Amino acid sequence: MTEPLTNNVYPRLLSPREREWIEWILPADRPGYKRYRELLDSMEVIGEGRRGQGEIILGEKGARVDLESPLPAVFAYGAIETNFGILSITVREILDAQISIEIVSHRADFIPEEFEESRRWTYSTWSIGEPCPQCMKPVREVFMHTSTGDRLMLAICPIDKRMWVYDAASMVNRLIPATNYYNELMLHRNIRDPKIALDSKRLFADLAKYTDEELTYAFLTYNKIRTKVHIDGLVESDRKEKPSMIRRLAGLFRK
């Protein structure tokens, strides 16, 4: 019978395979991920998280797992496709000197010692101009900048229904939950019809209907509430949309 990859005795060190997978979605050539990699040397696995088997918590030696604080946002995510099914690795934001890491099989309760790997992909290595890491199809790219000169990119994949923001300074890609972002977009466009405003999947189906400026403004207001990127000043789209003749006339009548 196949045995689980690791045991449940804590505290313990990361296994060689756990460390390899974690370092894979924390690429050393990107400043924002490198900081997390460096912390691995000073931490140990101190126990399981609130999500149970598959979620391990890294912390300082002698620390106890914090199960009271809110679950941190996802910092890095990747998946390995195998003959045993899909294996996913999720690293969450640091909170109170602890890092939650989930390494789970989408098919079974544990990961076997041996399996054949066919492909792996992660959002952590994505760069501007590249296709979606998962489906390898083109993504909508919204170029943005802050009033202090920082460069950002909002990437949206309508096929996989995923979105993330790329921070040029840290070279980190942070996933954005569609529901909360879509709420901000609907508020900005003053759309109140529940059939539209409450159906976040329409973000991807109707993606072509939104201008870069609208998508940028929605990110600005979303980021103020649920910070993904720490920003000084305002966020603006690199592309200024020229209003159509109909929009110009509508503006005149509103005056």
C-alpha atoms as a PDB file:
ATOM      1  CA  MET A   1       0.000   0.000   0.000  1.00  0.00           C
ATOM      2  CA  THR A   2       1.239   3.489  -0.857  1.00  0.00           C
ATOM      3  CA  GLU A   3       2.180   5.542   2.194  1.00  0.00           C
ATOM      4  CA  PRO A   4       1.726   9.307   2.673  1.00  0.00           C
ATOM      5  CA  LEU A   5       4.608  11.536   1.652  1.00  0.00           C
ATOM      6  CA  THR A   6       5.232  12.911   5.165  1.00  0.00           C
ATOM      7  CA  ASN A   7       4.341  12.053   8.756  1.00  0.00           C
ATOM      8  CA  ASN A   8       2.284  14.045  11.256  1.00  0.00           C
ATOM      9  CA  VAL A   9       4.949  14.393  13.952  1.00  0.00           C
ATOM     10  CA  TYR A  10       5.613  18.036  14.847  1.00  0.00           C
ATOM     11  CA  PRO A  11       7.738  20.020  15.010  1.00  0.00           C
ATOM     12  CA  ARG A  12       9.747  18.766  12.057  1.00  0.00           C
ATOM     13  CA  LEU A  13      11.785  20.004   9.112  1.00  0.00           C
ATOM     14  CA  LEU A  14      10.395  20.305   5.621  1.00  0.00           C
ATOM     15  CA  SER A  15      10.937  17.143   3.604  1.00  0.00           C
ATOM     16  CA  PRO A  16      13.238  17.512   0.549  1.00  0.00           C
ATOM     17  CA  ARG A  17      10.261  17.220  -1.806  1.00  0.00           C
ATOM     18  CA  GLU A  18       8.144  19.700   0.130  1.00  0.00           C
ATOM     19  CA  ARG A  19      11.001  22.192   0.015  1.00  0.00           C
ATOM     20  CA  GLU A  20      11.537  21.681  -3.726  1.00  0.00           C
ATOM     21  CA  TRP A  21       7.863  22.316  -4.487  1.00  0.00           C
ATOM     22  CA  ILE A  22       7.703  25.383  -2.248  1.00  0.00           C
ATOM     23  CA  GLU A  23      10.878  26.882  -3.698  1.00  0.00           C
ATOM     24  CA  TRP A  24       9.532  26.220  -7.200  1.00  0.00           C
ATOM     25  CA  ILE A  25       6.574  28.582  -6.644  1.00  0.00           C
ATOM     26  CA  LEU A  26       8.850  31.078  -4.868  1.00  0.00           C
ATOM     27  CA  PRO A  27      11.358  31.781  -7.693  1.00  0.00           C
ATOM     28  CA  ALA A  28      14.666  33.108  -6.393  1.00  0.00           C
ATOM     29  CA  ASP A  29      15.160  35.529  -9.298  1.00  0.00           C
ATOM     30  CA  ARG A  30      12.159  37.630  -8.210  1.00  0.00           C
ATOM     31  CA  PRO A  31      12.729  39.945  -5.216  1.00  0.00           C
ATOM     32  CA  GLY A  32       9.277  39.540  -3.664  1.00  0.00           C
ATOM     33  CA  TYR A  33       9.460  35.739  -3.593  1.00  0.00           C
ATOM     34  CA  LYS A  34      13.114  35.619  -2.585  1.00  0.00           C
ATOM     35  CA  ARG A  35      12.268  37.069   0.841  1.00  0.00           C
ATOM     36  CA  TYR A  36       9.933  34.147   1.541  1.00  0.00           C
ATOM     37  CA  ARG A  37      12.544  31.613   0.420  1.00  0.00           C
ATOM     38  CA  GLU A  38      15.063  33.068   2.852  1.00  0.00           C
ATOM     39  CA  LEU A  39      12.626  32.585   5.740  1.00  0.00           C
ATOM     40  CA  LEU A  40      12.465  28.837   5.099  1.00  0.00           C
ATOM     41  CA  ASP A  41      15.936  28.391   6.628  1.00  0.00           C
ATOM     42  CA  SER A  42      14.878  29.891   9.963  1.00  0.00           C
ATOM     43  CA  MET A  43      11.506  28.137  10.233  1.00  0.00           C
ATOM     44  CA  GLU A  44      10.232  24.636  10.896  1.00  0.00           C
ATOM     45  CA  VAL A  45       6.907  22.874  10.441  1.00  0.00           C
ATOM     46  CA  ILE A  46       5.189  23.546  13.768  1.00  0.00           C
ATOM     47  CA  GLY A  47       1.863  21.818  13.014  1.00  0.00           C
ATOM     48  CA  GLU A  48      -1.258  21.614  10.852  1.00  0.00           C
ATOM     49  CA  GLY A  49      -3.467  24.566   9.989  1.00  0.00           C
ATOM     50  CA  ARG A  50      -7.227  24.891  10.417  1.00  0.00           C
ATOM     51  CA  ARG A  51      -7.847  23.327   6.991  1.00  0.00           C
ATOM     52  CA  GLY A  52      -6.532  20.003   8.280  1.00  0.00           C
ATOM     53  CA  GLN A  53      -4.362  17.432   6.549  1.00  0.00           C
ATOM     54  CA  GLY A  54      -2.400  18.969   3.721  1.00  0.00           C
ATOM     55  CA  GLU A  55      -1.993  22.382   5.323  1.00  0.00           C
ATOM     56  CA  ILE A  56       1.227  22.821   7.246  1.00  0.00           C
ATOM     57  CA  ILE A  57       2.291  25.884   9.205  1.00  0.00           C
ATOM     58  CA  LEU A  58       5.848  27.158   9.181  1.00  0.00           C
ATOM     59  CA  GLY A  59       6.966  29.161  12.184  1.00  0.00           C
ATOM     60  CA  GLU A  60       9.901  29.981  14.383  1.00  0.00           C
ATOM     61  CA  LYS A  61      11.319  27.235  16.565  1.00  0.00           C
ATOM     62  CA  GLY A  62       9.166  26.739  19.658  1.00  0.00           C
ATOM     63  CA  ALA A  63       6.165  28.659  18.278  1.00  0.00           C
ATOM     64  CA  ARG A  64       2.599  27.329  18.444  1.00  0.00           C
ATOM     65  CA  VAL A  65       0.189  27.314  15.524  1.00  0.00           C
ATOM     66  CA  ASP A  66      -2.105  30.348  15.505  1.00  0.00           C
ATOM     67  CA  LEU A  67      -5.635  29.141  14.709  1.00  0.00           C
ATOM     68  CA  GLU A  68      -7.395  32.327  15.823  1.00  0.00           C
ATOM     69  CA  SER A  69      -6.239  34.878  13.246  1.00  0.00           C
ATOM     70  CA  PRO A  70      -8.016  35.219   9.876  1.00  0.00           C
ATOM     71  CA  LEU A  71      -6.777  33.021   7.035  1.00  0.00           C
ATOM     72  CA  PRO A  72      -4.204  35.088   5.092  1.00  0.00           C
ATOM     73  CA  ALA A  73      -4.538  35.791   1.374  1.00  0.00           C
ATOM     74  CA  VAL A  74      -2.852  33.556  -1.206  1.00  0.00           C
ATOM     75  CA  PHE A  75       0.675  34.718  -2.025  1.00  0.00           C
ATOM     76  CA  ALA A  76       1.779  32.040  -4.524  1.00  0.00           C
ATOM     77  CA  TYR A  77       0.032  29.155  -6.275  1.00  0.00           C
ATOM     78  CA  GLY A  78       1.045  26.372  -8.625  1.00  0.00           C
ATOM     79  CA  ALA A  79      -0.066  22.938  -9.793  1.00  0.00           C
ATOM     80  CA  ILE A  80       1.656  19.742 -10.885  1.00  0.00           C
ATOM     81  CA  GLU A  81      -0.198  17.450 -13.293  1.00  0.00           C
ATOM     82  CA  THR A  82       0.599  13.766 -12.725  1.00  0.00           C
ATOM     83  CA  ASN A  83      -0.677  10.276 -13.471  1.00  0.00           C
ATOM     84  CA  PHE A  84      -2.081  10.400  -9.932  1.00  0.00           C
ATOM     85  CA  GLY A  85      -4.106  13.526 -10.673  1.00  0.00           C
ATOM     86  CA  ILE A  86      -3.432  17.180  -9.952  1.00  0.00           C
ATOM     87  CA  LEU A  87      -1.232  18.222  -7.043  1.00  0.00           C
ATOM     88  CA  SER A  88      -1.511  21.870  -5.960  1.00  0.00           C
ATOM     89  CA  ILE A  89       0.802  23.998  -3.831  1.00  0.00           C
ATOM     90  CA  THR A  90      -0.459  27.173  -2.131  1.00  0.00           C
ATOM     91  CA  VAL A  91       1.669  29.562  -0.102  1.00  0.00           C
ATOM     92  CA  ARG A  92      -0.192  32.233   1.874  1.00  0.00           C
ATOM     93  CA  GLU A  93       0.928  35.656   3.065  1.00  0.00           C
ATOM     94  CA  ILE A  94       3.074  35.815   6.211  1.00  0.00           C
ATOM     95  CA  LEU A  95       0.994  36.542   9.307  1.00  0.00           C
ATOM     96  CA  ASP A  96       2.499  36.945  12.785  1.00  0.00           C
ATOM     97  CA  ALA A  97       5.742  35.224  11.705  1.00  0.00           C
ATOM     98  CA  GLN A  98       3.876  32.146  10.420  1.00  0.00           C
ATOM     99  CA  ILE A  99       3.320  30.893   6.872  1.00  0.00           C
ATOM    100  CA  SER A 100       0.470  28.597   5.821  1.00  0.00           C
ATOM    101  CA  ILE A 101       1.348  26.156   3.039  1.00  0.00           C
ATOM    102  CA  GLU A 102      -1.087  23.711   1.447  1.00  0.00           C
ATOM    103  CA  ILE A 103       0.230  20.763  -0.550  1.00  0.00           C
ATOM    104  CA  VAL A 104      -2.714  18.607  -1.558  1.00  0.00           C
ATOM    105  CA  SER A 105      -3.814  16.035  -4.092  1.00  0.00           C
ATOM    106  CA  HIS A 106      -7.110  16.763  -5.820  1.00  0.00           C
ATOM    107  CA  ARG A 107      -7.813  13.033  -5.996  1.00  0.00           C
ATOM    108  CA  ALA A 108      -6.859  11.515  -2.637  1.00  0.00           C
ATOM    109  CA  ASP A 109      -6.254  12.394   1.010  1.00  0.00           C
ATOM    110  CA  PHE A 110      -2.497  12.001   0.692  1.00  0.00           C
ATOM    111  CA  ILE A 111       0.303  12.206  -1.869  1.00  0.00           C
ATOM    112  CA  PRO A 112       2.106   8.990  -2.856  1.00  0.00           C
ATOM    113  CA  GLU A 113       5.875   8.706  -2.674  1.00  0.00           C
ATOM    114  CA  GLU A 114       6.164   7.994  -6.397  1.00  0.00           C
ATOM    115  CA  PHE A 115       4.231   9.260  -9.406  1.00  0.00           C
ATOM    116  CA  GLU A 116       4.852  10.426 -12.960  1.00  0.00           C
ATOM    117  CA  GLU A 117       4.813  14.152 -13.587  1.00  0.00           C
ATOM    118  CA  SER A 118       3.549  15.406 -16.965  1.00  0.00           C
ATOM    119  CA  ARG A 119       3.429  19.190 -16.506  1.00  0.00           C
ATOM    120  CA  ARG A 120       3.684  21.882 -13.884  1.00  0.00           C
ATOM    121  CA  TRP A 121       2.623  25.514 -13.956  1.00  0.00           C
ATOM    122  CA  THR A 122       2.566  28.469 -11.568  1.00  0.00           C
ATOM    123  CA  TYR A 123       1.454  32.087 -11.646  1.00  0.00           C
ATOM    124  CA  SER A 124       4.690  33.040  -9.870  1.00  0.00           C
ATOM    125  CA  THR A 125       6.782  32.889 -13.054  1.00  0.00           C
ATOM    126  CA  TRP A 126       4.307  34.697 -15.311  1.00  0.00           C
ATOM    127  CA  SER A 127       5.557  37.844 -17.064  1.00  0.00           C
ATOM    128  CA  ILE A 128       3.895  40.528 -19.160  1.00  0.00           C
ATOM    129  CA  GLY A 129       3.066  39.343 -22.674  1.00  0.00           C
ATOM    130  CA  GLU A 130       2.933  35.653 -21.770  1.00  0.00           C
ATOM    131  CA  PRO A 131      -0.174  33.437 -22.021  1.00  0.00           C
ATOM    132  CA  CYS A 132      -2.096  32.163 -18.991  1.00  0.00           C
ATOM    133  CA  PRO A 133       0.113  29.633 -17.149  1.00  0.00           C
ATOM    134  CA  GLN A 134      -2.750  27.147 -16.784  1.00  0.00           C
ATOM    135  CA  CYS A 135      -4.544  27.103 -20.155  1.00  0.00           C
ATOM    136  CA  MET A 136      -1.776  28.718 -22.256  1.00  0.00           C
ATOM    137  CA  LYS A 137      -4.299  31.059 -23.901  1.00  0.00           C
ATOM    138  CA  PRO A 138      -3.936  34.859 -24.255  1.00  0.00           C
ATOM    139  CA  VAL A 139      -4.978  37.019 -21.304  1.00  0.00           C
ATOM    140  CA  ARG A 140      -6.402  40.542 -21.124  1.00  0.00           C
ATOM    141  CA  GLU A 141      -3.608  42.837 -19.983  1.00  0.00           C
ATOM    142  CA  VAL A 142      -4.395  46.178 -18.342  1.00  0.00           C
ATOM    143  CA  PHE A 143      -1.301  48.346 -17.947  1.00  0.00           C
ATOM    144  CA  MET A 144      -1.448  50.561 -14.875  1.00  0.00           C
ATOM    145  CA  HIS A 145       0.790  53.001 -13.035  1.00  0.00           C
ATOM    146  CA  THR A 146       0.684  54.828  -9.727  1.00  0.00           C
ATOM    147  CA  SER A 147       1.114  58.557  -9.185  1.00  0.00           C
ATOM    148  CA  THR A 148       4.538  57.781  -7.686  1.00  0.00           C
ATOM    149  CA  GLY A 149       5.724  55.911 -10.781  1.00  0.00           C
ATOM    150  CA  ASP A 150       5.199  52.262  -9.787  1.00  0.00           C
ATOM    151  CA  ARG A 151       4.230  49.935 -12.637  1.00  0.00           C
ATOM    152  CA  LEU A 152       1.449  47.353 -12.323  1.00  0.00           C
ATOM    153  CA  MET A 153      -0.309  44.967 -14.675  1.00  0.00           C
ATOM    154  CA  LEU A 154      -3.793  43.517 -14.199  1.00  0.00           C
ATOM    155  CA  ALA A 155      -4.065  40.193 -16.038  1.00  0.00           C
ATOM    156  CA  ILE A 156      -7.420  38.474 -16.630  1.00  0.00           C
ATOM    157  CA  CYS A 157      -7.878  35.025 -18.172  1.00  0.00           C
ATOM    158  CA  PRO A 158     -11.452  34.540 -19.455  1.00  0.00           C
ATOM    159  CA  ILE A 159     -10.866  30.818 -20.088  1.00  0.00           C
ATOM    160  CA  ASP A 160      -9.746  29.787 -16.583  1.00  0.00           C
ATOM    161  CA  LYS A 161     -11.704  32.622 -14.936  1.00  0.00           C
ATOM    162  CA  ARG A 162      -8.651  33.815 -13.050  1.00  0.00           C
ATOM    163  CA  MET A 163      -7.167  37.248 -12.491  1.00  0.00           C
ATOM    164  CA  TRP A 164      -3.959  38.467 -10.938  1.00  0.00           C
ATOM    165  CA  VAL A 165      -1.927  41.659 -10.576  1.00  0.00           C
ATOM    166  CA  TYR A 166       1.760  41.853 -11.456  1.00  0.00           C
ATOM    167  CA  ASP A 167       3.917  44.266  -9.452  1.00  0.00           C
ATOM    168  CA  ALA A 168       6.946  45.280 -11.535  1.00  0.00           C
ATOM    169  CA  ALA A 169       9.037  46.267  -8.492  1.00  0.00           C
ATOM    170  CA  SER A 170       8.710  42.966  -6.597  1.00  0.00           C
ATOM    171  CA  MET A 171       7.955  40.852  -9.728  1.00  0.00           C
ATOM    172  CA  VAL A 172       5.212  39.129  -7.716  1.00  0.00           C
ATOM    173  CA  ASN A 173       1.883  37.986  -9.191  1.00  0.00           C
ATOM    174  CA  ARG A 174      -0.969  38.103  -6.675  1.00  0.00           C
ATOM    175  CA  LEU A 175      -4.224  36.311  -7.396  1.00  0.00           C
ATOM    176  CA  ILE A 176      -7.390  38.394  -7.036  1.00  0.00           C
ATOM    177  CA  PRO A 177     -10.727  36.765  -6.080  1.00  0.00           C
ATOM    178  CA  ALA A 178     -13.189  37.668  -8.829  1.00  0.00           C
ATOM    179  CA  THR A 179     -16.277  38.178  -6.633  1.00  0.00           C
ATOM    180  CA  ASN A 180     -15.016  41.103  -4.548  1.00  0.00           C
ATOM    181  CA  TYR A 181     -13.352  42.750  -7.528  1.00  0.00           C
ATOM    182  CA  TYR A 182     -16.525  42.404  -9.616  1.00  0.00           C
ATOM    183  CA  ASN A 183     -18.538  44.059  -6.856  1.00  0.00           C
ATOM    184  CA  GLU A 184     -16.318  47.135  -7.146  1.00  0.00           C
ATOM    185  CA  LEU A 185     -16.660  47.124 -10.928  1.00  0.00           C
ATOM    186  CA  MET A 186     -20.455  47.006 -10.687  1.00  0.00           C
ATOM    187  CA  LEU A 187     -20.490  49.862  -8.157  1.00  0.00           C
ATOM    188  CA  HIS A 188     -18.289  51.934 -10.466  1.00  0.00           C
ATOM    189  CA  ARG A 189     -20.592  51.307 -13.433  1.00  0.00           C
ATOM    190  CA  ASN A 190     -23.688  51.828 -11.278  1.00  0.00           C
ATOM    191  CA  ILE A 191     -25.162  48.480 -12.354  1.00  0.00           C
ATOM    192  CA  ARG A 192     -27.794  47.363  -9.853  1.00  0.00           C
ATOM    193  CA  ASP A 193     -29.675  44.638 -11.712  1.00  0.00           C
ATOM    194  CA  PRO A 194     -29.123  41.589  -9.416  1.00  0.00           C
ATOM    195  CA  LYS A 195     -28.963  39.216 -12.401  1.00  0.00           C
ATOM    196  CA  ILE A 196     -25.876  41.098 -13.569  1.00  0.00           C
ATOM    197  CA  ALA A 197     -24.411  42.687 -10.452  1.00  0.00           C
ATOM    198  CA  LEU A 198     -24.375  39.480  -8.386  1.00  0.00           C
ATOM    199  CA  ASP A 199     -23.068  37.165 -11.114  1.00  0.00           C
ATOM    200  CA  SER A 200     -19.293  37.553 -10.905  1.00  0.00           C
ATOM    201  CA  LYS A 201     -18.763  35.032 -13.724  1.00  0.00           C
ATOM    202  CA  ARG A 202     -20.002  37.715 -16.095  1.00  0.00           C
ATOM    203  CA  LEU A 203     -16.714  39.529 -15.522  1.00  0.00           C
ATOM    204  CA  PHE A 204     -15.060  36.999 -17.805  1.00  0.00           C
ATOM    205  CA  ALA A 205     -17.941  36.522 -20.240  1.00  0.00           C
ATOM    206  CA  ASP A 206     -18.378  40.306 -20.693  1.00  0.00           C
ATOM    207  CA  LEU A 207     -14.701  41.209 -20.400  1.00  0.00           C
ATOM    208  CA  ALA A 208     -14.572  42.932 -23.803  1.00  0.00           C
ATOM    209  CA  LYS A 209     -17.277  45.386 -22.680  1.00  0.00           C
ATOM    210  CA  TYR A 210     -15.067  46.998 -20.030  1.00  0.00           C
ATOM    211  CA  THR A 211     -12.464  49.641 -20.798  1.00  0.00           C
ATOM    212  CA  ASP A 212      -8.983  49.609 -19.296  1.00  0.00           C
ATOM    213  CA  GLU A 213      -9.901  52.675 -17.259  1.00  0.00           C
ATOM    214  CA  GLU A 214     -12.958  50.945 -15.764  1.00  0.00           C
ATOM    215  CA  LEU A 215     -10.975  47.824 -14.886  1.00  0.00           C
ATOM    216  CA  THR A 216      -8.230  49.990 -13.373  1.00  0.00           C
ATOM    217  CA  TYR A 217     -10.632  52.005 -11.236  1.00  0.00           C
ATOM    218  CA  ALA A 218     -12.238  48.801  -9.948  1.00  0.00           C
ATOM    219  CA  PHE A 219      -8.787  47.543  -8.956  1.00  0.00           C
ATOM    220  CA  LEU A 220      -8.016  50.831  -7.186  1.00  0.00           C
ATOM    221  CA  THR A 221     -11.155  50.664  -5.024  1.00  0.00           C
ATOM    222  CA  TYR A 222     -10.801  46.906  -4.453  1.00  0.00           C
ATOM    223  CA  ASN A 223      -7.167  47.309  -3.390  1.00  0.00           C
ATOM    224  CA  LYS A 224      -8.114  49.976  -0.847  1.00  0.00           C
ATOM    225  CA  ILE A 225     -10.419  47.500   0.899  1.00  0.00           C
ATOM    226  CA  ARG A 226      -8.458  44.265   0.410  1.00  0.00           C
ATOM    227  CA  THR A 227      -4.881  45.321  -0.162  1.00  0.00           C
ATOM    228  CA  LYS A 228      -2.945  43.195  -2.642  1.00  0.00           C
ATOM    229  CA  VAL A 229      -0.273  45.740  -3.469  1.00  0.00           C
ATOM    230  CA  HIS A 230       0.840  48.481  -1.087  1.00  0.00           C
ATOM    231  CA  ILE A 231       0.447  51.662  -3.101  1.00  0.00           C
ATOM    232  CA  ASP A 232       1.340  55.287  -2.441  1.00  0.00           C
ATOM    233  CA  GLY A 233      -1.022  57.575  -4.327  1.00  0.00           C
ATOM    234  CA  LEU A 234      -3.565  56.800  -7.024  1.00  0.00           C
ATOM    235  CA  VAL A 235      -3.608  54.070  -9.666  1.00  0.00           C
ATOM    236  CA  GLU A 236      -4.303  55.032 -13.274  1.00  0.00           C
ATOM    237  CA  SER A 237      -4.617  53.174 -16.549  1.00  0.00           C
ATOM    238  CA  ASP A 238      -1.795  53.637 -19.047  1.00  0.00           C
ATOM    239  CA  ARG A 239      -4.404  53.778 -21.766  1.00  0.00           C
ATOM    240  CA  LYS A 240      -6.758  56.762 -21.865  1.00  0.00           C
ATOM    241  CA  GLU A 241      -9.962  55.859 -23.677  1.00  0.00           C
ATOM    242  CA  LYS A 242     -11.373  58.496 -26.005  1.00  0.00           C
ATOM    243  CA  PRO A 243     -15.100  58.890 -25.391  1.00  0.00           C
ATOM    244  CA  SER A 244     -17.343  57.906 -28.299  1.00  0.00           C
ATOM    245  CA  MET A 245     -19.657  60.454 -29.944  1.00  0.00           C
ATOM    246  CA  ILE A 246     -22.656  58.899 -28.138  1.00  0.00           C
ATOM    247  CA  ARG A 247     -20.916  59.233 -24.757  1.00  0.00           C
ATOM    248  CA  ARG A 248     -19.992  62.845 -25.563  1.00  0.00           C
ATOM    249  CA  LEU A 249     -23.588  63.728 -26.421  1.00  0.00           C
ATOM    250  CA  ALA A 250     -24.826  61.970 -23.274  1.00  0.00           C
ATOM    251  CA  GLY A 251     -22.385  64.076 -21.278  1.00  0.00           C
ATOM    252  CA  LEU A 252     -23.722  67.262 -22.799  1.00  0.00           C
ATOM    253  CA  PHE A 253     -27.330  66.396 -21.950  1.00  0.00           C
ATOM    254  CA  ARG A 254     -26.346  65.676 -18.315  1.00  0.00           C
ATOM    255  CA  LYS A 255     -24.948  69.192 -17.889  1.00  0.00           C
END
